[in-house]
C-alpha atoms as a PDB file:
ATOM      1  CA  MET A   1      19.189  -4.765 -43.322  1.00  0.00           C
ATOM      2  CA  GLU A   2      22.903  -5.377 -43.550  1.00  0.00           C
ATOM      3  CA  GLY A   3      24.480  -5.571 -46.988  1.00  0.00           C
ATOM      4  CA  VAL A   4      24.168  -3.612 -50.199  1.00  0.00           C
ATOM      5  CA  ASN A   5      20.418  -3.598 -50.699  1.00  0.00           C
ATOM      6  CA  ARG A   6      18.712  -2.742 -53.975  1.00  0.00           C
ATOM      7  CA  VAL A   7      15.401  -4.560 -53.421  1.00  0.00           C
ATOM      8  CA  ALA A   8      12.404  -2.507 -54.510  1.00  0.00           C
ATOM      9  CA  GLY A   9      10.304  -1.200 -51.658  1.00  0.00           C
ATOM     10  CA  CYS A  10       7.279  -3.118 -52.908  1.00  0.00           C
ATOM     11  CA  ILE A  11       8.870  -6.475 -52.040  1.00  0.00           C
ATOM     12  CA  ASN A  12       7.747  -7.107 -48.463  1.00  0.00           C
ATOM     13  CA  GLU A  13       7.272 -10.845 -48.093  1.00  0.00           C
ATOM     14  CA  ILE A  14      10.259 -12.500 -46.442  1.00  0.00           C
ATOM     15  CA  MET A  15      11.109 -15.883 -47.946  1.00  0.00           C
ATOM     16  CA  ILE A  16      14.014 -16.765 -45.627  1.00  0.00           C
ATOM     17  CA  LYS A  17      15.071 -15.256 -42.311  1.00  0.00           C
ATOM     18  CA  THR A  18      17.904 -16.217 -39.970  1.00  0.00           C
ATOM     19  CA  GLU A  19      18.350 -15.185 -36.349  1.00  0.00           C
ATOM     20  CA  GLY A  20      21.719 -15.433 -34.608  1.00  0.00           C
ATOM     21  CA  LEU A  21      22.805 -18.272 -36.875  1.00  0.00           C
ATOM     22  CA  CYS A  22      26.052 -19.999 -35.814  1.00  0.00           C
ATOM     23  CA  LYS A  23      27.906 -23.102 -36.960  1.00  0.00           C
ATOM     24  CA  SER A  24      30.899 -24.578 -35.134  1.00  0.00           C
ATOM     25  CA  TYR A  25      33.094 -27.600 -35.780  1.00  0.00           C
ATOM     26  CA  HIS A  26      35.574 -29.590 -33.734  1.00  0.00           C
ATOM     27  CA  CYS A  27      38.164 -30.866 -36.206  1.00  0.00           C
ATOM     28  CA  HIS A  28      40.001 -33.690 -34.409  1.00  0.00           C
ATOM     29  CA  THR A  29      40.966 -31.298 -31.614  1.00  0.00           C
ATOM     30  CA  ARG A  30      39.305 -29.664 -28.666  1.00  0.00           C
ATOM     31  CA  HIS A  31      39.634 -26.346 -30.437  1.00  0.00           C
ATOM     32  CA  GLU A  32      36.315 -25.017 -31.698  1.00  0.00           C
ATOM     33  CA  VAL A  33      36.227 -23.658 -35.236  1.00  0.00           C
ATOM     34  CA  ARG A  34      33.426 -21.159 -35.788  1.00  0.00           C
ATOM     35  CA  ALA A  35      32.490 -21.273 -39.447  1.00  0.00           C
ATOM     36  CA  ILE A  36      29.734 -18.646 -39.137  1.00  0.00           C
ATOM     37  CA  GLN A  37      28.715 -16.424 -36.228  1.00  0.00           C
ATOM     38  CA  ASP A  38      25.605 -14.394 -35.434  1.00  0.00           C
ATOM     39  CA  ILE A  39      24.208 -14.292 -38.957  1.00  0.00           C
ATOM     40  CA  ASN A  40      20.987 -12.303 -39.275  1.00  0.00           C
ATOM     41  CA  LEU A  41      19.533 -12.253 -42.776  1.00  0.00           C
ATOM     42  CA  HIS A  42      16.238 -11.258 -44.333  1.00  0.00           C
ATOM     43  CA  ILE A  43      15.820 -12.591 -47.864  1.00  0.00           C
ATOM     44  CA  PRO A  44      12.685 -11.269 -49.589  1.00  0.00           C
ATOM     45  CA  LYS A  45      10.655 -13.434 -51.902  1.00  0.00           C
ATOM     46  CA  ASN A  46      11.636 -13.080 -55.581  1.00  0.00           C
ATOM     47  CA  SER A  47      14.964 -11.407 -54.797  1.00  0.00           C
ATOM     48  CA  PHE A  48      18.428 -12.078 -56.207  1.00  0.00           C
ATOM     49  CA  VAL A  49      20.874 -12.393 -53.311  1.00  0.00           C
ATOM     50  CA  VAL A  50      24.656 -12.759 -53.545  1.00  0.00           C
ATOM     51  CA  LEU A  51      26.970 -13.950 -50.758  1.00  0.00           C
ATOM     52  CA  SER A  52      30.525 -12.866 -51.478  1.00  0.00           C
ATOM     53  CA  GLY A  53      33.829 -12.851 -49.642  1.00  0.00           C
ATOM     54  CA  PRO A  54      37.229 -14.544 -49.523  1.00  0.00           C
ATOM     55  CA  SER A  55      37.690 -18.309 -49.290  1.00  0.00           C
ATOM     56  CA  GLY A  56      37.061 -19.532 -45.754  1.00  0.00           C
ATOM     57  CA  SER A  57      34.733 -16.659 -44.883  1.00  0.00           C
ATOM     58  CA  GLY A  58      31.771 -18.990 -44.264  1.00  0.00           C
ATOM     59  CA  LYS A  59      29.808 -18.437 -47.476  1.00  0.00           C
ATOM     60  CA  THR A  60      29.260 -22.068 -48.401  1.00  0.00           C
ATOM     61  CA  THR A  61      28.523 -23.068 -44.794  1.00  0.00           C
ATOM     62  CA  LEU A  62      25.807 -20.422 -44.649  1.00  0.00           C
ATOM     63  CA  LEU A  63      24.457 -21.471 -48.040  1.00  0.00           C
ATOM     64  CA  ASN A  64      24.272 -25.125 -46.967  1.00  0.00           C
ATOM     65  CA  ILE A  65      22.320 -24.194 -43.842  1.00  0.00           C
ATOM     66  CA  ILE A  66      19.917 -21.974 -45.785  1.00  0.00           C
ATOM     67  CA  GLY A  67      19.432 -24.846 -48.237  1.00  0.00           C
ATOM     68  CA  THR A  68      18.820 -27.303 -45.344  1.00  0.00           C
ATOM     69  CA  LEU A  69      21.816 -29.447 -46.340  1.00  0.00           C
ATOM     70  CA  ASP A  70      23.321 -28.744 -42.902  1.00  0.00           C
ATOM     71  CA  ARG A  71      22.042 -27.706 -39.501  1.00  0.00           C
ATOM     72  CA  PRO A  72      23.185 -24.740 -37.406  1.00  0.00           C
ATOM     73  CA  THR A  73      24.858 -25.173 -34.039  1.00  0.00           C
ATOM     74  CA  ASN A  74      22.854 -22.253 -32.654  1.00  0.00           C
ATOM     75  CA  GLY A  75      20.267 -19.808 -33.897  1.00  0.00           C
ATOM     76  CA  LYS A  76      17.156 -20.207 -35.998  1.00  0.00           C
ATOM     77  CA  ILE A  77      16.212 -20.232 -39.642  1.00  0.00           C
ATOM     78  CA  PHE A  78      12.727 -19.478 -40.922  1.00  0.00           C
ATOM     79  CA  THR A  79      11.443 -20.456 -44.355  1.00  0.00           C
ATOM     80  CA  TYR A  80       7.993 -19.326 -45.474  1.00  0.00           C
ATOM     81  CA  GLY A  81       7.637 -17.879 -41.973  1.00  0.00           C
ATOM     82  CA  GLU A  82       8.046 -21.281 -40.315  1.00  0.00           C
ATOM     83  CA  ASP A  83      10.893 -22.153 -37.961  1.00  0.00           C
ATOM     84  CA  ILE A  84      12.558 -25.124 -39.674  1.00  0.00           C
ATOM     85  CA  THR A  85      15.414 -25.433 -37.184  1.00  0.00           C
ATOM     86  CA  SER A  86      13.801 -28.366 -35.397  1.00  0.00           C
ATOM     87  CA  PHE A  87      12.394 -30.060 -38.505  1.00  0.00           C
ATOM     88  CA  SER A  88      13.109 -33.771 -38.811  1.00  0.00           C
ATOM     89  CA  ASP A  89      15.444 -35.001 -41.537  1.00  0.00           C
ATOM     90  CA  ILE A  90      12.422 -36.325 -43.424  1.00  0.00           C
ATOM     91  CA  ALA A  91      10.662 -32.951 -43.260  1.00  0.00           C
ATOM     92  CA  LEU A  92      13.789 -31.132 -44.442  1.00  0.00           C
ATOM     93  CA  SER A  93      14.190 -33.609 -47.276  1.00  0.00           C
ATOM     94  CA  ARG A  94      10.615 -32.948 -48.361  1.00  0.00           C
ATOM     95  CA  LEU A  95      11.216 -29.185 -48.227  1.00  0.00           C
ATOM     96  CA  ARG A  96      14.301 -29.527 -50.430  1.00  0.00           C
ATOM     97  CA  ARG A  97      12.528 -31.824 -52.868  1.00  0.00           C
ATOM     98  CA  GLU A  98       9.465 -29.630 -53.259  1.00  0.00           C
ATOM     99  CA  LYS A  99      10.756 -26.086 -52.914  1.00  0.00           C
ATOM    100  CA  ILE A 100      14.525 -25.827 -53.521  1.00  0.00           C
ATOM    101  CA  GLY A 101      16.734 -26.372 -56.560  1.00  0.00           C
ATOM    102  CA  PHE A 102      20.506 -26.721 -56.169  1.00  0.00           C
ATOM    103  CA  ILE A 103      23.268 -25.783 -58.596  1.00  0.00           C
ATOM    104  CA  PHE A 104      26.635 -27.057 -57.369  1.00  0.00           C
ATOM    105  CA  GLN A 105      30.142 -25.914 -58.228  1.00  0.00           C
ATOM    106  CA  TYR A 106      31.226 -29.409 -59.272  1.00  0.00           C
ATOM    107  CA  PHE A 107      27.952 -30.376 -60.989  1.00  0.00           C
ATOM    108  CA  HIS A 108      27.432 -33.662 -59.018  1.00  0.00           C
ATOM    109  CA  LEU A 109      26.032 -35.523 -61.994  1.00  0.00           C
ATOM    110  CA  ILE A 110      25.704 -39.314 -61.814  1.00  0.00           C
ATOM    111  CA  PRO A 111      28.385 -40.654 -64.219  1.00  0.00           C
ATOM    112  CA  ARG A 112      26.511 -43.673 -65.560  1.00  0.00           C
ATOM    113  CA  LEU A 113      23.285 -41.785 -66.315  1.00  0.00           C
ATOM    114  CA  SER A 114      22.471 -39.882 -69.490  1.00  0.00           C
ATOM    115  CA  SER A 115      21.671 -36.166 -69.492  1.00  0.00           C
ATOM    116  CA  TRP A 116      17.922 -36.687 -69.395  1.00  0.00           C
ATOM    117  CA  GLU A 117      18.235 -39.318 -66.668  1.00  0.00           C
ATOM    118  CA  ASN A 118      20.337 -36.980 -64.524  1.00  0.00           C
ATOM    119  CA  VAL A 119      17.838 -34.167 -65.001  1.00  0.00           C
ATOM    120  CA  SER A 120      14.824 -36.323 -64.178  1.00  0.00           C
ATOM    121  CA  TYR A 121      16.413 -38.210 -61.267  1.00  0.00           C
ATOM    122  CA  PRO A 122      14.858 -35.943 -58.564  1.00  0.00           C
ATOM    123  CA  LEU A 123      11.389 -36.851 -59.906  1.00  0.00           C
ATOM    124  CA  ILE A 124      11.709 -40.547 -59.047  1.00  0.00           C
ATOM    125  CA  PRO A 125      10.718 -40.220 -55.343  1.00  0.00           C
ATOM    126  CA  SER A 126       7.496 -38.471 -56.373  1.00  0.00           C
ATOM    127  CA  GLY A 127       6.439 -41.441 -58.518  1.00  0.00           C
ATOM    128  CA  THR A 128       6.495 -39.554 -61.827  1.00  0.00           C
ATOM    129  CA  SER A 129       6.206 -41.969 -64.726  1.00  0.00           C
ATOM    130  CA  LEU A 130       9.166 -42.718 -66.995  1.00  0.00           C
ATOM    131  CA  LYS A 131       7.389 -41.121 -69.954  1.00  0.00           C
ATOM    132  CA  ASN A 132       6.681 -37.895 -68.058  1.00  0.00           C
ATOM    133  CA  ARG A 133      10.210 -37.773 -66.646  1.00  0.00           C
ATOM    134  CA  LEU A 134      11.619 -37.984 -70.159  1.00  0.00           C
ATOM    135  CA  GLU A 135       9.270 -35.298 -71.468  1.00  0.00           C
ATOM    136  CA  MET A 136      10.053 -32.907 -68.613  1.00  0.00           C
ATOM    137  CA  ALA A 137      13.795 -33.483 -68.929  1.00  0.00           C
ATOM    138  CA  LYS A 138      13.655 -32.918 -72.683  1.00  0.00           C
ATOM    139  CA  VAL A 139      11.899 -29.561 -72.261  1.00  0.00           C
ATOM    140  CA  LEU A 140      14.462 -28.365 -69.728  1.00  0.00           C
ATOM    141  CA  LEU A 141      17.482 -29.586 -71.676  1.00  0.00           C
ATOM    142  CA  GLU A 142      16.171 -27.769 -74.741  1.00  0.00           C
ATOM    143  CA  LYS A 143      15.782 -24.671 -72.572  1.00  0.00           C
ATOM    144  CA  VAL A 144      19.479 -24.765 -71.658  1.00  0.00           C
ATOM    145  CA  GLY A 145      20.557 -25.524 -75.232  1.00  0.00           C
ATOM    146  CA  LEU A 146      21.180 -29.257 -74.882  1.00  0.00           C
ATOM    147  CA  GLY A 147      18.206 -30.710 -76.718  1.00  0.00           C
ATOM    148  CA  ASP A 148      20.611 -32.694 -78.890  1.00  0.00           C
ATOM    149  CA  ARG A 149      22.478 -34.191 -75.903  1.00  0.00           C
ATOM    150  CA  LEU A 150      19.659 -36.120 -74.231  1.00  0.00           C
ATOM    151  CA  ASP A 151      21.452 -39.471 -74.291  1.00  0.00           C
ATOM    152  CA  HIS A 152      24.986 -38.246 -73.585  1.00  0.00           C
ATOM    153  CA  THR A 153      26.622 -39.199 -70.285  1.00  0.00           C
ATOM    154  CA  PRO A 154      28.640 -36.602 -68.313  1.00  0.00           C
ATOM    155  CA  GLU A 155      31.973 -37.870 -69.660  1.00  0.00           C
ATOM    156  CA  GLU A 156      30.716 -37.115 -73.169  1.00  0.00           C
ATOM    157  CA  LEU A 157      29.992 -33.485 -72.287  1.00  0.00           C
ATOM    158  CA  SER A 158      32.195 -30.434 -71.747  1.00  0.00           C
ATOM    159  CA  GLY A 159      32.314 -28.713 -68.360  1.00  0.00           C
ATOM    160  CA  GLY A 160      29.937 -26.026 -69.578  1.00  0.00           C
ATOM    161  CA  GLN A 161      27.502 -28.608 -70.895  1.00  0.00           C
ATOM    162  CA  GLN A 162      27.619 -30.509 -67.614  1.00  0.00           C
ATOM    163  CA  GLN A 163      26.747 -27.335 -65.741  1.00  0.00           C
ATOM    164  CA  ARG A 164      23.785 -26.799 -68.084  1.00  0.00           C
ATOM    165  CA  VAL A 165      22.567 -30.314 -67.278  1.00  0.00           C
ATOM    166  CA  ALA A 166      22.964 -29.506 -63.571  1.00  0.00           C
ATOM    167  CA  ILE A 167      20.904 -26.342 -63.988  1.00  0.00           C
ATOM    168  CA  ALA A 168      18.173 -28.241 -65.822  1.00  0.00           C
ATOM    169  CA  ARG A 169      18.128 -30.762 -62.962  1.00  0.00           C
ATOM    170  CA  ALA A 170      17.784 -27.923 -60.447  1.00  0.00           C
ATOM    171  CA  LEU A 171      14.678 -26.721 -62.289  1.00  0.00           C
ATOM    172  CA  VAL A 172      12.909 -30.038 -62.752  1.00  0.00           C
ATOM    173  CA  ASN A 173      10.777 -29.711 -59.602  1.00  0.00           C
ATOM    174  CA  ASN A 174       9.779 -26.140 -60.474  1.00  0.00           C
ATOM    175  CA  PRO A 175      11.468 -24.758 -57.314  1.00  0.00           C
ATOM    176  CA  GLU A 176      10.622 -21.494 -55.631  1.00  0.00           C
ATOM    177  CA  ILE A 177      14.197 -21.087 -54.366  1.00  0.00           C
ATOM    178  CA  ILE A 178      17.427 -21.660 -56.298  1.00  0.00           C
ATOM    179  CA  ILE A 179      20.605 -22.196 -54.263  1.00  0.00           C
ATOM    180  CA  ALA A 180      23.787 -21.857 -56.360  1.00  0.00           C
ATOM    181  CA  ASP A 181      27.333 -22.417 -55.076  1.00  0.00           C
ATOM    182  CA  GLU A 182      29.946 -20.873 -57.406  1.00  0.00           C
ATOM    183  CA  PRO A 183      27.868 -21.802 -60.490  1.00  0.00           C
ATOM    184  CA  THR A 184      30.332 -20.258 -62.972  1.00  0.00           C
ATOM    185  CA  SER A 185      33.710 -21.168 -61.453  1.00  0.00           C
ATOM    186  CA  ASN A 186      34.300 -24.287 -63.566  1.00  0.00           C
ATOM    187  CA  ILE A 187      32.929 -23.175 -66.929  1.00  0.00           C
ATOM    188  CA  ASP A 188      34.033 -20.915 -69.771  1.00  0.00           C
ATOM    189  CA  ASP A 189      33.179 -17.216 -70.029  1.00  0.00           C
ATOM    190  CA  GLU A 190      30.526 -17.661 -72.704  1.00  0.00           C
ATOM    191  CA  THR A 191      28.672 -20.325 -70.713  1.00  0.00           C
ATOM    192  CA  SER A 192      29.010 -18.137 -67.598  1.00  0.00           C
ATOM    193  CA  LYS A 193      27.102 -15.384 -69.400  1.00  0.00           C
ATOM    194  CA  ASP A 194      24.395 -17.893 -70.339  1.00  0.00           C
ATOM    195  CA  VAL A 195      24.107 -19.090 -66.734  1.00  0.00           C
ATOM    196  CA  LEU A 196      23.828 -15.520 -65.487  1.00  0.00           C
ATOM    197  CA  ALA A 197      21.130 -14.736 -68.060  1.00  0.00           C
ATOM    198  CA  LEU A 198      19.182 -17.866 -67.145  1.00  0.00           C
ATOM    199  CA  LEU A 199      19.254 -17.014 -63.430  1.00  0.00           C
ATOM    200  CA  GLN A 200      18.031 -13.521 -64.242  1.00  0.00           C
ATOM    201  CA  GLU A 201      15.205 -15.032 -66.273  1.00  0.00           C
ATOM    202  CA  LEU A 202      14.250 -17.288 -63.361  1.00  0.00           C
ATOM    203  CA  LYS A 203      14.238 -14.335 -60.991  1.00  0.00           C
ATOM    204  CA  THR A 204      11.938 -12.477 -63.386  1.00  0.00           C
ATOM    205  CA  SER A 205       9.580 -15.465 -63.331  1.00  0.00           C
ATOM    206  CA  GLY A 206       9.291 -15.271 -59.531  1.00  0.00           C
ATOM    207  CA  VAL A 207      12.072 -17.527 -58.253  1.00  0.00           C
ATOM    208  CA  THR A 208      14.202 -16.434 -55.291  1.00  0.00           C
ATOM    209  CA  ILE A 209      17.899 -16.776 -56.182  1.00  0.00           C
ATOM    210  CA  ILE A 210      20.718 -17.147 -53.616  1.00  0.00           C
ATOM    211  CA  VAL A 211      24.253 -17.369 -55.011  1.00  0.00           C
ATOM    212  CA  VAL A 212      27.691 -17.809 -53.459  1.00  0.00           C
ATOM    213  CA  THR A 213      30.240 -16.474 -55.927  1.00  0.00           C
ATOM    214  CA  HIS A 214      33.513 -14.667 -56.524  1.00  0.00           C
ATOM    215  CA  ASP A 215      32.203 -13.529 -59.910  1.00  0.00           C
ATOM    216  CA  THR A 216      31.595  -9.780 -59.654  1.00  0.00           C
ATOM    217  CA  CYS A 217      29.184  -9.913 -62.598  1.00  0.00           C
ATOM    218  CA  PHE A 218      26.587 -11.336 -60.217  1.00  0.00           C
ATOM    219  CA  GLU A 219      26.922  -8.373 -57.865  1.00  0.00           C
ATOM    220  CA  LYS A 220      25.978  -6.007 -60.678  1.00  0.00           C
ATOM    221  CA  ILE A 221      22.529  -7.564 -61.049  1.00  0.00           C
ATOM    222  CA  ALA A 222      21.862  -8.604 -57.444  1.00  0.00           C
ATOM    223  CA  ASP A 223      19.152  -7.036 -55.321  1.00  0.00           C
ATOM    224  CA  VAL A 224      21.188  -7.663 -52.172  1.00  0.00           C
ATOM    225  CA  VAL A 225      24.920  -8.345 -51.761  1.00  0.00           C
ATOM    226  CA  TYR A 226      26.131  -9.682 -48.416  1.00  0.00           C
ATOM    227  CA  LYS A 227      29.870  -9.406 -47.877  1.00  0.00           C
ATOM    228  CA  MET A 228      31.253 -12.053 -45.529  1.00  0.00           C
ATOM    229  CA  LYS A 229      34.497 -12.060 -43.572  1.00  0.00           C
ATOM    230  CA  ASN A 230      35.652 -14.425 -40.816  1.00  0.00           C
ATOM    231  CA  GLY A 231      32.246 -16.054 -40.554  1.00  0.00           C
ATOM    232  CA  ARG A 232      30.309 -12.823 -40.170  1.00  0.00           C
ATOM    233  CA  ILE A 233      28.482 -10.341 -42.341  1.00  0.00           C
ATOM    234  CA  ALA A 234      31.105  -7.661 -42.888  1.00  0.00           C
END
């Protein structure tokens, strides 16, 4: 396996695998821009994986494809041993809803909703009752230290608090995979340490963690570190 690999030998089950993954764009010209090229990854279940590299190296593009937010131009991606490359949009949406939690760099909270409403929003399509949504959101917000901010809207919260709400939202469906894009880039150092500790705790509980980051603290605890450069694994 390419990359700096510290996964214990007892971890054999592959959660995500990519074969010859490529993504190209045509940005208002005939010139083809290759965001990623020939990416072959094996991500074991219950591993902590970091994608690092300079800006423009293809990290976020790869993360979006792994998280089914985008589709590759060529190549295949397998999740739970199943080729999801040809899945319909509806099937991919169901996979995201049931199995994947997302933590975004810019939080992506809904401005008019309170903390608990933002956290519980992903539960609406499943028909979860209002009472249960509130109870589940309350538990998660208490877990991230915001039990006293249930009714606060994003504008009433600091950047670090907003990221905590975003993390609670990512956990509300009890995901088996957490996808995090620069989760500590817009928050203070103390909150960054809390986020790192929480992700470690999730990994210990059996969640597979995949993080794009420039924060070298993540590399120190990762099982696998993939270095990217010019759209390839360096």
